[in-house]
Amino acid sequence: GTPAILPIITALKNGESVTFEGKELFPEELCTPTDPGPVFLVLECPHEGFVDAVCQNETFQRYQEGAAEHQVALVIHMTPEAVLRDSRYQQWMERFGPGTQHLVLNENSSAVHNPRSYKIQTQLNLIHPEIFPLLTTYQSKVMHPLPLCLLPSARAVSHVSLLPQEAEAACPVPIVRGECLLKYHLRPQQEWQRDAVTVCDPDEFVSEALDLPDFQTRVKECKESLSAVPGNVSAYPEIVFLGTGSAIPMKIRNVSSTLVNTSATRSLLLDCGEGTFGQLCRHYGEQVDRVLCNLVAVFVSHMHTDHHSGLVNILMERRRAFAALGQAFSPLFLVAPEQIMPWLHEYHNHCEEILGDIQMIPSQSLVKGCENIRPKAKEFVSSLLESYDLAEFQTCEVQHCKNAFACSVVHKSGWKVVYSGDTMPCMALVQMGKNANLLIHEATLEDGMEKEAIEKTHSTTSQAIQTGMKMNAEFIMLNHFSQRYAKIPLFSEDFSERVGIAFDHMRVSL
């Protein structure tokens, strides 16, 4: 039977002779000639210090000698622009010959990875362009861009910024920039395939919304009702929601992160989940370096990764932004549980040096009545208040995991913004947030899931709203929604004109 013959087939395929029914069988009698298949290389050269080692590598040299059996179909370069600019690396690339394709994956690979996010923002923009600004794209800045060639068949998407076409003549070899879902077929014919490449068509998004029943009528009614509201909104503080979902990123909601622009030149980040830098890029485009340089402090509410795993990237990109804009670097104030430091030390010791980029203020030291604040932290707090022109930056412990905190920010001009982090209904938060102009409160679960909310130490929508009512908050913005909700949580009777639902890239002012 088939199971009995499988070991024989396996042995023959492995080049071994076998005895079957008294006869010795040899692989060359039964197997077709070996087809080695096309050769492709995947290379990561993280910085110029590795270039000599790459160029002198004997394994690579074997594939650069021109032998037909060693012809390389594709080289995938995971290398930064600085390496691609290196003349040694360019000469090494040329040695593969004209038959080799080169795919580059680095900071200049500019493409849309999540069209769903662009789609919903484009459609929300029809309702209120100021609250829901159109998303932009971002081309990473390098000091001296490498002249690049694109294959003649490469089709540029309208929203993707590519390097100037006139630079093609100086390109040593044709290279292709990576795009989301770009494919290269090795068999049966070697060719690029772009039919699945992610693209965005804003006109299509708009048409889809306009075709919805009563959409245009409802939008008109909404705008008419908004025109009746007094327009005495201040420019600052401006709150930009970068991540309004919980646990893991999804198509239209990233994990926790909220940017508070206290002035035109100062910003505060409330939590910093993974993908925060990418969200800043999509929201601010080419202005992202300016935003990073304006960022003076990050508040991390607690040690769950959906609230802090984007911090390291923010630190590194912020340092790059200062250099790119020619500004003097200044460390970032980090207001966080002390338990974050072992993680940062591990990264600093084993990956990249980042501890010089932060000035640590333990969240516990900002709790009202705390007397154990270290002298250095006290100095940092004074500088933090001065930088933002704040009257107060206060924290309180909340009911979530151990060492979880909320924060309250009071400006000298009088406005007060309170951020809950993750928590169950909490009286300490109510007391700290008394008479806030804005409460940003987690509403992970819908009403009716109170038991699960207790088990997971989160709040339901009504519990979050009631917390805001108890503290007499002027406005309540709900966020940190469970990703089980496709777009918005279920409404309850507690919703009113004082309550809003946060979306990623939503922008509001007081």
Protein backbone atom coordinates (compact mmCIF):
# COMPACT_ATOMS: atom_id res chain seq x y z
CA GLY A 1 0.00 0.00 0.00
CA THR A 2 0.94 3.67 -0.26
CA PRO A 3 2.08 4.09 3.40
CA ALA A 4 4.53 1.17 2.99
CA ILE A 5 6.16 2.65 -0.10
CA LEU A 6 6.54 6.20 1.25
CA PRO A 7 9.87 5.49 3.05
CA ILE A 8 11.24 4.05 -0.19
CA ILE A 9 10.22 7.15 -2.18
CA THR A 10 11.70 9.41 0.48
CA ALA A 11 15.02 7.56 0.45
CA LEU A 12 15.25 7.69 -3.35
CA LYS A 13 14.46 11.42 -3.37
CA ASN A 14 17.26 11.90 -0.83
CA GLY A 15 19.75 10.23 -3.20
CA GLU A 16 19.90 6.90 -1.37
CA SER A 17 19.67 3.46 -2.99
CA VAL A 18 17.09 1.01 -1.58
CA THR A 19 16.26 -2.67 -1.91
CA PHE A 20 12.69 -3.46 -2.93
CA GLU A 21 11.39 -7.01 -3.49
CA GLY A 22 14.97 -8.27 -3.71
CA LYS A 23 16.08 -5.70 -6.28
CA GLU A 24 18.37 -2.77 -5.56
CA LEU A 25 16.96 0.52 -6.85
CA PHE A 26 19.11 3.57 -7.56
CA PRO A 27 17.89 7.20 -7.55
CA GLU A 28 19.17 7.92 -11.06
CA GLU A 29 16.99 5.09 -12.41
CA LEU A 30 13.73 6.50 -11.09
CA CYS A 31 14.18 10.22 -10.40
CA THR A 32 14.34 13.04 -12.90
CA PRO A 33 17.53 15.13 -12.88
CA THR A 34 17.86 17.51 -9.96
CA ASP A 35 16.60 21.02 -10.68
CA PRO A 36 18.31 23.42 -8.29
CA GLY A 37 15.82 26.18 -9.03
CA PRO A 38 16.45 29.92 -9.18
CA VAL A 39 18.81 31.52 -6.68
CA PHE A 40 17.75 34.47 -4.56
CA LEU A 41 19.54 36.21 -1.69
CA VAL A 42 18.15 38.00 1.35
CA LEU A 43 20.71 40.34 2.88
CA GLU A 44 20.54 42.57 5.94
CA CYS A 45 23.38 45.07 6.20
CA PRO A 46 22.35 47.38 9.08
CA HIS A 47 25.08 50.03 8.72
CA GLU A 48 28.29 50.95 6.92
CA GLY A 49 30.44 49.04 9.40
CA PHE A 50 29.29 45.76 7.82
CA VAL A 51 29.92 46.73 4.18
CA ASP A 52 33.48 45.37 3.96
CA ALA A 53 32.38 42.05 5.45
CA VAL A 54 29.60 41.78 2.88
CA CYS A 55 31.86 42.68 -0.05
CA GLN A 56 34.53 40.18 1.00
CA ASN A 57 32.17 37.31 1.78
CA GLU A 58 33.26 34.26 -0.25
CA THR A 59 29.76 32.80 -0.46
CA PHE A 60 28.46 35.92 -2.17
CA GLN A 61 31.52 36.06 -4.47
CA ARG A 62 30.67 32.62 -5.84
CA TYR A 63 27.40 34.05 -7.15
CA GLN A 64 29.14 37.04 -8.75
CA GLU A 65 31.51 35.12 -11.05
CA GLY A 66 29.09 34.81 -13.96
CA ALA A 67 28.60 31.03 -13.94
CA ALA A 68 25.17 30.09 -15.29
CA GLU A 69 24.43 27.73 -12.40
CA HIS A 70 25.14 30.54 -9.95
CA GLN A 71 23.08 33.24 -11.65
CA VAL A 72 21.13 35.15 -8.98
CA ALA A 73 17.57 36.04 -9.93
CA LEU A 74 16.85 38.43 -7.07
CA VAL A 75 18.71 40.13 -4.22
CA ILE A 76 16.58 41.53 -1.40
CA HIS A 77 18.46 44.35 0.33
CA MET A 78 17.30 45.16 3.87
CA THR A 79 19.72 48.05 4.09
CA PRO A 80 19.35 51.70 5.14
CA GLU A 81 19.93 54.57 2.72
CA ALA A 82 23.39 55.22 4.18
CA VAL A 83 24.52 51.75 3.10
CA LEU A 84 22.97 52.07 -0.36
CA ARG A 85 24.88 55.33 -0.85
CA ASP A 86 28.19 53.66 -0.04
CA SER A 87 30.32 53.31 -3.20
CA ARG A 88 31.70 49.95 -1.98
CA TYR A 89 28.17 48.57 -1.65
CA GLN A 90 27.13 49.92 -5.06
CA GLN A 91 30.12 48.25 -6.73
CA TRP A 92 29.27 45.00 -4.94
CA MET A 93 25.70 45.22 -6.27
CA GLU A 94 26.96 45.72 -9.84
CA ARG A 95 29.02 42.51 -9.70
CA PHE A 96 25.85 40.41 -9.79
CA GLY A 97 25.39 41.38 -13.44
CA PRO A 98 22.48 42.77 -15.46
CA GLY A 99 20.33 39.66 -15.06
CA THR A 100 19.82 40.18 -11.33
CA GLN A 101 16.89 42.12 -9.91
CA HIS A 102 17.39 44.18 -6.73
CA LEU A 103 14.60 44.81 -4.22
CA VAL A 104 15.24 47.41 -1.49
CA LEU A 105 13.39 47.40 1.83
CA ASN A 106 14.27 50.32 4.08
CA GLU A 107 13.09 53.65 5.47
CA ASN A 108 12.40 54.99 1.97
CA SER A 109 9.95 52.23 1.10
CA SER A 110 6.84 54.39 1.04
CA ALA A 111 3.51 52.67 0.58
CA VAL A 112 0.07 52.36 2.11
CA HIS A 113 -0.22 49.17 4.13
CA ASN A 114 -3.74 49.63 5.47
CA PRO A 115 -6.17 51.16 2.96
CA ARG A 116 -9.06 50.55 5.36
CA SER A 117 -7.70 53.26 7.66
CA TYR A 118 -7.46 55.72 4.77
CA LYS A 119 -10.93 54.77 3.61
CA ILE A 120 -12.74 55.47 6.87
CA GLN A 121 -10.81 58.72 7.40
CA THR A 122 -11.68 59.94 3.89
CA GLN A 123 -15.35 59.20 4.51
CA LEU A 124 -15.38 60.80 7.97
CA ASN A 125 -13.71 63.84 6.42
CA LEU A 126 -16.92 64.41 4.45
CA ILE A 127 -18.74 64.89 7.75
CA HIS A 128 -16.24 67.22 9.45
CA PRO A 129 -12.93 68.10 7.71
CA GLU A 130 -11.43 69.75 10.80
CA ILE A 131 -12.11 66.89 13.21
CA PHE A 132 -11.24 64.22 10.63
CA PRO A 133 -8.37 65.59 8.50
CA LEU A 134 -7.32 63.62 5.45
CA LEU A 135 -4.37 61.34 6.04
CA THR A 136 -1.08 62.01 4.34
CA THR A 137 1.95 59.92 3.46
CA TYR A 138 5.50 60.12 4.66
CA GLN A 139 8.84 59.69 2.90
CA SER A 140 11.61 59.13 5.44
CA LYS A 141 14.18 61.90 5.40
CA VAL A 142 17.82 61.12 4.64
CA MET A 143 20.63 63.65 4.54
CA HIS A 144 21.77 62.82 0.98
CA PRO A 145 19.26 60.62 -0.87
CA LEU A 146 20.72 57.93 -3.10
CA PRO A 147 19.79 58.33 -6.78
CA LEU A 148 17.47 55.44 -7.54
CA CYS A 149 16.04 53.78 -10.60
CA LEU A 150 12.61 52.26 -10.86
CA LEU A 151 11.81 49.58 -13.38
CA PRO A 152 10.00 51.07 -16.40
CA SER A 153 6.97 48.95 -15.53
CA ALA A 154 6.77 50.26 -11.96
CA ARG A 155 3.50 52.16 -11.60
CA ALA A 156 3.51 54.99 -9.06
CA VAL A 157 0.47 55.31 -6.84
CA SER A 158 -0.82 58.87 -6.63
CA HIS A 159 -0.39 59.20 -2.89
CA VAL A 160 3.13 57.74 -2.70
CA SER A 161 6.10 60.10 -2.88
CA LEU A 162 8.91 58.76 -5.05
CA LEU A 163 12.37 60.19 -5.60
CA PRO A 164 12.88 62.43 -8.65
CA GLN A 165 12.89 60.73 -12.03
CA GLU A 166 15.90 62.78 -13.22
CA ALA A 167 18.07 60.84 -10.74
CA GLU A 168 17.76 57.61 -12.76
CA ALA A 169 20.85 58.15 -14.91
CA ALA A 170 23.15 58.12 -11.89
CA CYS A 171 21.80 54.80 -10.62
CA PRO A 172 24.40 51.98 -10.76
CA VAL A 173 21.82 49.18 -11.10
CA PRO A 174 18.05 49.17 -11.54
CA ILE A 175 16.38 48.69 -8.16
CA VAL A 176 12.80 48.38 -7.02
CA ARG A 177 11.43 49.89 -3.83
CA GLY A 178 9.39 47.53 -1.70
CA GLU A 179 5.62 47.96 -1.70
CA CYS A 180 3.00 46.18 0.33
CA LEU A 181 2.06 42.88 -1.40
CA LEU A 182 4.48 43.40 -4.29
CA LYS A 183 5.43 39.95 -5.62
CA TYR A 184 8.35 38.54 -7.59
CA HIS A 185 7.69 35.24 -9.34
CA LEU A 186 10.68 32.91 -9.59
CA ARG A 187 8.85 30.21 -11.58
CA PRO A 188 7.84 29.49 -14.27
CA GLN A 189 8.82 32.95 -15.49
CA GLN A 190 10.83 35.45 -13.49
CA GLU A 191 8.78 38.64 -13.29
CA TRP A 192 7.32 41.27 -11.00
CA GLN A 193 3.62 41.11 -10.22
CA ARG A 194 1.80 44.19 -8.91
CA ASP A 195 -1.83 43.18 -9.20
CA ALA A 196 -2.13 42.78 -5.42
CA VAL A 197 -0.17 45.92 -4.45
CA THR A 198 -2.11 47.97 -1.91
CA VAL A 199 -3.49 51.17 -3.41
CA CYS A 200 -5.89 53.85 -2.24
CA ASP A 201 -8.45 55.56 -4.44
CA PRO A 202 -9.93 58.53 -2.52
CA ASP A 203 -12.51 59.15 -5.25
CA GLU A 204 -13.78 55.60 -4.84
CA PHE A 205 -14.02 56.03 -1.06
CA VAL A 206 -16.02 59.23 -1.48
CA SER A 207 -18.34 57.71 -4.08
CA GLU A 208 -19.02 54.74 -1.84
CA ALA A 209 -20.06 57.04 1.01
CA LEU A 210 -22.20 59.28 -1.20
CA ASP A 211 -24.07 56.23 -2.51
CA LEU A 212 -25.24 55.27 0.99
CA PRO A 213 -28.97 55.91 1.55
CA ASP A 214 -29.60 59.35 3.10
CA PHE A 215 -25.88 59.96 3.64
CA GLN A 216 -25.79 63.38 2.02
CA THR A 217 -28.99 64.44 3.79
CA ARG A 218 -27.63 63.37 7.17
CA VAL A 219 -24.32 65.14 6.57
CA LYS A 220 -26.16 68.33 5.65
CA GLU A 221 -28.26 68.10 8.82
CA CYS A 222 -25.13 67.50 10.89
CA LYS A 223 -23.37 70.53 9.46
CA GLU A 224 -26.43 72.71 10.00
CA SER A 225 -26.65 71.67 13.65
CA LEU A 226 -22.94 72.32 14.12
CA SER A 227 -23.23 75.78 12.61
CA ALA A 228 -25.62 76.69 15.42
CA VAL A 229 -22.99 75.85 18.05
CA PRO A 230 -20.97 78.87 19.26
CA GLY A 231 -17.57 78.82 17.60
CA ASN A 232 -15.43 79.90 20.55
CA VAL A 233 -13.03 76.97 20.34
CA SER A 234 -9.41 77.65 21.27
CA ALA A 235 -6.62 76.37 19.06
CA TYR A 236 -4.96 74.71 22.06
CA PRO A 237 -4.97 72.30 23.64
CA GLU A 238 -5.40 70.18 20.54
CA ILE A 239 -5.91 66.46 21.09
CA VAL A 240 -5.03 64.02 18.32
CA PHE A 241 -6.09 60.40 18.86
CA LEU A 242 -3.45 58.12 17.35
CA GLY A 243 -4.63 54.82 18.82
CA THR A 244 -8.10 54.14 20.23
CA GLY A 245 -8.25 50.34 20.38
CA SER A 246 -7.16 47.84 23.00
CA ALA A 247 -4.77 44.89 23.11
CA ILE A 248 -3.66 44.57 19.47
CA PRO A 249 -3.75 46.77 16.35
CA MET A 250 -6.63 46.26 13.97
CA LYS A 251 -7.59 47.75 10.60
CA ILE A 252 -9.10 51.02 11.79
CA ARG A 253 -7.94 51.24 15.41
CA ASN A 254 -4.34 51.14 16.55
CA VAL A 255 -3.44 50.53 20.20
CA SER A 256 -3.27 53.26 22.83
CA SER A 257 -1.70 56.61 22.02
CA THR A 258 -2.99 60.18 22.27
CA LEU A 259 -1.06 63.33 21.35
CA VAL A 260 -1.86 66.51 23.29
CA ASN A 261 -0.53 69.63 21.59
CA THR A 262 -0.43 72.19 24.40
CA SER A 263 0.84 74.92 22.06
CA ALA A 264 2.28 75.32 18.56
CA THR A 265 5.69 74.19 19.84
CA ARG A 266 4.95 71.74 22.67
CA SER A 267 3.35 68.29 22.67
CA LEU A 268 2.68 65.55 25.21
CA LEU A 269 2.10 61.89 24.38
CA LEU A 270 -0.34 59.93 26.54
CA ASP A 271 0.70 56.28 26.18
CA CYS A 272 2.75 54.98 23.31
CA GLY A 273 1.60 51.62 21.95
CA GLU A 274 3.20 49.89 18.99
CA GLY A 275 2.81 51.72 15.71
CA THR A 276 2.59 55.17 17.31
CA PHE A 277 5.34 56.57 15.08
CA GLY A 278 3.59 55.21 11.99
CA GLN A 279 0.37 56.91 13.06
CA LEU A 280 2.24 60.20 13.49
CA CYS A 281 3.61 59.79 9.97
CA ARG A 282 0.18 59.14 8.49
CA HIS A 283 -1.32 62.10 10.34
CA TYR A 284 1.42 64.69 9.88
CA GLY A 285 3.29 63.51 6.78
CA GLU A 286 6.44 65.53 6.10
CA GLN A 287 5.83 67.58 9.26
CA VAL A 288 6.44 64.58 11.51
CA ASP A 289 10.00 65.66 12.35
CA ARG A 290 8.71 68.97 13.65
CA VAL A 291 6.14 67.15 15.78
CA LEU A 292 8.80 64.84 17.21
CA CYS A 293 11.02 67.79 18.13
CA ASN A 294 8.03 69.46 19.83
CA LEU A 295 7.46 66.33 21.90
CA VAL A 296 8.76 67.06 25.40
CA ALA A 297 7.26 64.22 27.47
CA VAL A 298 5.60 60.82 27.24
CA PHE A 299 3.24 59.50 29.90
CA VAL A 300 3.04 55.69 30.09
CA SER A 301 0.06 54.66 32.20
CA HIS A 302 1.08 51.06 32.95
CA MET A 303 3.24 48.20 31.80
CA HIS A 304 0.91 46.38 29.39
CA THR A 305 2.62 46.31 26.00
CA ASP A 306 -0.26 47.91 24.09
CA HIS A 307 0.54 51.08 26.05
CA HIS A 308 4.33 51.31 25.79
CA SER A 309 5.83 49.09 23.08
CA GLY A 310 6.10 52.00 20.63
CA LEU A 311 8.31 54.01 22.99
CA VAL A 312 11.71 52.84 21.77
CA ASN A 313 10.90 53.71 18.16
CA ILE A 314 9.67 57.15 19.20
CA LEU A 315 12.94 57.74 21.04
CA MET A 316 15.06 56.75 18.04
CA GLU A 317 12.99 58.66 15.50
CA ARG A 318 12.96 61.71 17.76
CA ARG A 319 16.76 61.72 17.92
CA ARG A 320 16.89 61.41 14.12
CA ALA A 321 14.43 64.30 13.75
CA PHE A 322 16.56 66.64 15.84
CA ALA A 323 19.57 65.85 13.64
CA ALA A 324 17.57 66.22 10.42
CA LEU A 325 16.29 69.67 11.44
CA GLY A 326 19.65 70.76 12.78
CA GLN A 327 18.30 71.39 16.27
CA ALA A 328 20.11 70.81 19.56
CA PHE A 329 18.96 67.52 21.06
CA SER A 330 17.18 67.45 24.42
CA PRO A 331 16.14 64.28 26.30
CA LEU A 332 12.51 63.34 26.66
CA PHE A 333 10.75 63.40 30.03
CA LEU A 334 9.33 59.93 30.66
CA VAL A 335 6.53 59.80 33.23
CA ALA A 336 5.96 56.11 33.84
CA PRO A 337 5.93 53.36 36.46
CA GLU A 338 9.45 52.62 37.66
CA GLN A 339 8.97 49.05 36.42
CA ILE A 340 9.61 50.29 32.88
CA MET A 341 13.30 50.83 33.60
CA PRO A 342 14.48 47.16 33.61
CA TRP A 343 13.02 46.78 30.11
CA LEU A 344 14.71 49.97 28.89
CA HIS A 345 18.00 48.89 30.49
CA GLU A 346 17.84 45.52 28.71
CA TYR A 347 17.24 47.22 25.38
CA HIS A 348 20.02 49.74 26.06
CA ASN A 349 22.53 47.02 26.99
CA HIS A 350 21.74 44.51 24.25
CA CYS A 351 20.28 46.46 21.31
CA GLU A 352 20.82 50.22 21.07
CA GLU A 353 21.78 52.90 23.55
CA ILE A 354 18.64 54.83 24.48
CA LEU A 355 18.93 55.74 28.16
CA GLY A 356 20.53 59.07 27.27
CA ASP A 357 17.30 59.99 25.47
CA ILE A 358 15.11 59.99 28.58
CA GLN A 359 14.79 61.77 31.90
CA MET A 360 12.77 59.50 34.18
CA ILE A 361 9.97 60.78 36.41
CA PRO A 362 8.35 57.87 38.32
CA SER A 363 4.55 58.11 38.15
CA GLN A 364 4.36 57.45 41.90
CA SER A 365 6.26 60.69 42.58
CA LEU A 366 3.45 62.75 41.02
CA VAL A 367 0.70 61.30 43.22
CA LYS A 368 -0.78 64.02 45.42
CA GLY A 369 0.91 64.06 48.83
CA CYS A 370 3.93 62.00 47.76
CA GLU A 371 6.91 62.87 49.95
CA ASN A 372 9.45 60.36 48.63
CA ILE A 373 10.29 62.11 45.39
CA ARG A 374 13.99 61.95 44.56
CA PRO A 375 15.85 65.26 44.10
CA LYS A 376 16.63 64.52 40.45
CA ALA A 377 13.02 63.62 39.70
CA LYS A 378 11.88 66.79 41.49
CA GLU A 379 14.17 68.80 39.22
CA PHE A 380 12.74 67.05 36.16
CA VAL A 381 9.17 67.77 37.29
CA SER A 382 9.94 71.50 37.60
CA SER A 383 11.42 71.51 34.09
CA LEU A 384 8.44 69.57 32.76
CA LEU A 385 5.94 72.07 34.20
CA GLU A 386 7.96 74.98 32.84
CA SER A 387 8.24 73.44 29.36
CA TYR A 388 4.48 73.08 28.99
CA ASP A 389 3.55 76.20 31.01
CA LEU A 390 1.61 73.92 33.37
CA ALA A 391 0.26 74.66 36.80
CA GLU A 392 0.06 70.95 37.66
CA PHE A 393 0.88 67.47 36.39
CA GLN A 394 -0.65 64.95 38.75
CA THR A 395 -1.08 61.17 38.76
CA CYS A 396 -3.16 58.73 40.77
CA GLU A 397 -3.18 54.96 41.04
CA VAL A 398 -6.13 53.32 39.32
CA GLN A 399 -7.77 49.89 39.50
CA HIS A 400 -6.20 47.86 36.74
CA CYS A 401 -2.93 45.95 37.00
CA LYS A 402 -0.36 46.70 39.66
CA ASN A 403 1.33 50.09 39.22
CA ALA A 404 -1.29 51.47 36.83
CA PHE A 405 -1.79 55.23 36.81
CA ALA A 406 -4.04 57.94 35.41
CA CYS A 407 -2.89 61.53 34.94
CA SER A 408 -4.27 65.06 35.12
CA VAL A 409 -2.73 68.02 33.28
CA VAL A 410 -3.67 71.56 34.34
CA HIS A 411 -2.46 74.49 32.24
CA LYS A 412 -1.77 77.94 33.67
CA SER A 413 -4.44 79.35 31.37
CA GLY A 414 -6.99 77.21 33.22
CA TRP A 415 -7.79 74.21 31.05
CA LYS A 416 -7.62 70.71 32.51
CA VAL A 417 -7.29 67.40 30.64
CA VAL A 418 -7.55 64.06 32.46
CA TYR A 419 -6.50 60.69 31.04
CA SER A 420 -7.66 57.47 32.71
CA GLY A 421 -5.26 54.95 31.21
CA ASP A 422 -6.83 51.51 31.81
CA THR A 423 -9.06 51.18 34.85
CA MET A 424 -12.27 50.02 36.43
CA PRO A 425 -14.48 52.77 37.92
CA CYS A 426 -12.13 54.48 40.36
CA MET A 427 -12.86 57.13 43.02
CA ALA A 428 -9.23 58.28 43.10
CA LEU A 429 -9.60 59.21 39.43
CA VAL A 430 -12.87 61.04 40.14
CA GLN A 431 -11.22 63.08 42.87
CA MET A 432 -8.17 63.96 40.77
CA GLY A 433 -10.27 64.88 37.75
CA LYS A 434 -12.77 67.20 39.44
CA ASN A 435 -14.14 69.83 37.01
CA ALA A 436 -11.96 68.71 34.11
CA ASN A 437 -12.59 70.31 30.74
CA LEU A 438 -11.94 66.96 29.07
CA LEU A 439 -11.83 63.42 30.40
CA ILE A 440 -10.34 60.80 28.08
CA HIS A 441 -11.56 57.53 29.56
CA GLU A 442 -11.24 53.92 28.48
CA ALA A 443 -14.47 52.16 27.53
CA THR A 444 -13.21 48.73 26.60
CA LEU A 445 -16.51 46.86 26.82
CA GLU A 446 -20.18 47.48 26.07
CA ASP A 447 -22.91 47.71 28.67
CA GLY A 448 -24.10 44.30 29.83
CA MET A 449 -20.53 43.01 30.07
CA GLU A 450 -19.91 44.31 33.58
CA LYS A 451 -18.85 40.88 34.85
CA GLU A 452 -16.18 40.56 32.17
CA ALA A 453 -15.13 44.16 32.83
CA ILE A 454 -14.49 43.26 36.47
CA GLU A 455 -12.53 40.15 35.49
CA LYS A 456 -10.36 42.17 33.11
CA THR A 457 -10.29 45.31 35.31
CA HIS A 458 -11.71 47.54 32.59
CA SER A 459 -14.75 49.81 32.25
CA THR A 460 -17.92 49.58 30.21
CA THR A 461 -19.14 52.59 28.23
CA SER A 462 -21.71 53.61 30.86
CA GLN A 463 -19.19 53.17 33.69
CA ALA A 464 -16.76 55.48 31.88
CA ILE A 465 -19.48 58.07 31.29
CA GLN A 466 -20.62 57.89 34.92
CA THR A 467 -17.03 58.48 36.06
CA GLY A 468 -16.99 61.64 33.96
CA MET A 469 -20.33 62.77 35.38
CA LYS A 470 -19.12 62.22 38.94
CA MET A 471 -16.07 64.40 38.36
CA ASN A 472 -18.23 67.01 36.59
CA ALA A 473 -16.17 66.80 33.42
CA GLU A 474 -17.26 69.22 30.73
CA PHE A 475 -16.63 66.70 27.95
CA ILE A 476 -15.96 62.95 27.95
CA MET A 477 -14.12 61.18 25.13
CA LEU A 478 -14.30 57.39 25.17
CA ASN A 479 -11.46 55.29 23.77
CA HIS A 480 -9.56 51.99 24.20
CA PHE A 481 -12.40 49.99 22.68
CA SER A 482 -12.24 46.23 22.45
CA GLN A 483 -11.28 45.21 18.91
CA ARG A 484 -14.41 43.05 18.83
CA TYR A 485 -16.30 46.20 17.81
CA ALA A 486 -15.83 46.75 14.09
CA LYS A 487 -16.23 50.54 14.12
CA ILE A 488 -17.99 51.95 17.18
CA PRO A 489 -19.23 50.48 20.48
CA LEU A 490 -22.89 49.96 21.16
CA PHE A 491 -24.62 53.11 22.38
CA SER A 492 -26.46 53.29 25.68
CA GLU A 493 -28.90 55.74 27.24
CA ASP A 494 -25.99 57.38 29.06
CA PHE A 495 -24.67 58.91 25.84
CA SER A 496 -25.32 62.64 25.53
CA GLU A 497 -23.96 65.72 23.81
CA ARG A 498 -21.17 65.76 26.39
CA VAL A 499 -19.91 62.33 25.29
CA GLY A 500 -17.82 61.53 22.22
CA ILE A 501 -16.36 58.40 20.67
CA ALA A 502 -12.71 58.63 19.69
CA PHE A 503 -11.49 57.46 16.29
CA ASP A 504 -7.90 57.09 15.18
CA HIS A 505 -6.70 60.40 13.65
CA MET A 506 -9.58 62.32 15.18
CA ARG A 507 -8.53 65.87 16.13
CA VAL A 508 -10.39 67.96 18.71
CA SER A 509 -9.81 71.21 20.60
CA LEU A 510 -11.42 72.63 23.73
